[in-house]
Amino acid sequence: MGLVIIFALVTILAGYGAFSALKNKNLLGIVFGGGSFLVFGWFTIMTVLHHGFPTAH
């Protein structure tokens, strides 16, 4: 279940990177950061829906 946590962390970092690139007007950074945010965000949502939330042991 650590996969959900890893996907969520990558999504958050990609969102921060895209926002930072947007502030610096870096077009390539916006494209790759935004694309990563969308793809990993979708993976995160679908993994949570399919496997559920991580459980504490």
C-alpha atoms as a PDB file:
ATOM      1  CA  MET A   1       0.000   0.000   0.000  1.00  0.00           C
ATOM      2  CA  GLY A   2       3.017   2.265  -0.040  1.00  0.00           C
ATOM      3  CA  LEU A   3       2.377   2.832  -3.743  1.00  0.00           C
ATOM      4  CA  VAL A   4      -0.441   5.281  -2.962  1.00  0.00           C
ATOM      5  CA  ILE A   5       1.854   7.287  -0.706  1.00  0.00           C
ATOM      6  CA  ILE A   6       4.630   7.387  -3.307  1.00  0.00           C
ATOM      7  CA  PHE A   7       2.225   8.439  -6.067  1.00  0.00           C
ATOM      8  CA  ALA A   8       0.763  11.141  -3.824  1.00  0.00           C
ATOM      9  CA  LEU A   9       4.207  12.525  -2.950  1.00  0.00           C
ATOM     10  CA  VAL A  10       5.263  12.593  -6.611  1.00  0.00           C
ATOM     11  CA  THR A  11       1.984  14.332  -7.493  1.00  0.00           C
ATOM     12  CA  ILE A  12       2.535  17.006  -4.856  1.00  0.00           C
ATOM     13  CA  LEU A  13       6.131  17.595  -5.970  1.00  0.00           C
ATOM     14  CA  ALA A  14       5.122  17.751  -9.643  1.00  0.00           C
ATOM     15  CA  GLY A  15       2.419  20.288  -8.793  1.00  0.00           C
ATOM     16  CA  TYR A  16       4.948  22.397  -6.902  1.00  0.00           C
ATOM     17  CA  GLY A  17       7.395  22.138  -9.803  1.00  0.00           C
ATOM     18  CA  ALA A  18       4.766  23.180 -12.337  1.00  0.00           C
ATOM     19  CA  PHE A  19       3.732  26.135 -10.176  1.00  0.00           C
ATOM     20  CA  SER A  20       7.369  27.174  -9.721  1.00  0.00           C
ATOM     21  CA  ALA A  21       7.956  26.925 -13.476  1.00  0.00           C
ATOM     22  CA  LEU A  22       4.825  29.000 -14.056  1.00  0.00           C
ATOM     23  CA  LYS A  23       6.145  31.736 -11.773  1.00  0.00           C
ATOM     24  CA  ASN A  24       9.495  31.703 -13.625  1.00  0.00           C
ATOM     25  CA  LYS A  25       7.774  31.577 -17.054  1.00  0.00           C
ATOM     26  CA  ASN A  26       9.629  28.381 -17.973  1.00  0.00           C
ATOM     27  CA  LEU A  27       7.544  26.823 -20.750  1.00  0.00           C
ATOM     28  CA  LEU A  28       9.269  23.430 -20.816  1.00  0.00           C
ATOM     29  CA  GLY A  29       9.039  23.165 -17.025  1.00  0.00           C
ATOM     30  CA  ILE A  30       5.332  23.987 -17.159  1.00  0.00           C
ATOM     31  CA  VAL A  31       4.726  21.304 -19.802  1.00  0.00           C
ATOM     32  CA  PHE A  32       6.651  18.535 -18.039  1.00  0.00           C
ATOM     33  CA  GLY A  33       5.591  19.537 -14.512  1.00  0.00           C
ATOM     34  CA  GLY A  34       1.950  19.878 -15.516  1.00  0.00           C
ATOM     35  CA  GLY A  35       2.023  16.627 -17.462  1.00  0.00           C
ATOM     36  CA  SER A  36       3.601  14.790 -14.549  1.00  0.00           C
ATOM     37  CA  PHE A  37       1.060  16.322 -12.196  1.00  0.00           C
ATOM     38  CA  LEU A  38      -1.834  15.139 -14.349  1.00  0.00           C
ATOM     39  CA  VAL A  39      -0.470  11.641 -14.990  1.00  0.00           C
ATOM     40  CA  PHE A  40       0.650  10.878 -11.436  1.00  0.00           C
ATOM     41  CA  GLY A  41      -2.470  12.538 -10.037  1.00  0.00           C
ATOM     42  CA  TRP A  42      -4.586  10.190 -12.150  1.00  0.00           C
ATOM     43  CA  PHE A  43      -2.502   7.209 -10.996  1.00  0.00           C
ATOM     44  CA  THR A  44      -2.993   8.300  -7.381  1.00  0.00           C
ATOM     45  CA  ILE A  45      -6.757   8.645  -7.723  1.00  0.00           C
ATOM     46  CA  MET A  46      -7.171   5.345  -9.544  1.00  0.00           C
ATOM     47  CA  THR A  47      -4.911   3.469  -7.118  1.00  0.00           C
ATOM     48  CA  VAL A  48      -6.920   4.764  -4.151  1.00  0.00           C
ATOM     49  CA  LEU A  49     -10.190   3.819  -5.843  1.00  0.00           C
ATOM     50  CA  HIS A  50      -8.950   0.349  -6.783  1.00  0.00           C
ATOM     51  CA  HIS A  51      -6.890  -0.625  -3.729  1.00  0.00           C
ATOM     52  CA  GLY A  52      -8.248   1.694  -1.047  1.00  0.00           C
ATOM     53  CA  PHE A  53      -6.438   3.860   1.462  1.00  0.00           C
ATOM     54  CA  PRO A  54      -3.246   2.643   3.116  1.00  0.00           C
ATOM     55  CA  THR A  55      -3.951   1.027   6.454  1.00  0.00           C
ATOM     56  CA  ALA A  56      -1.940   1.524   9.632  1.00  0.00           C
ATOM     57  CA  HIS A  57      -0.609  -1.704  11.129  1.00  0.00           C
END
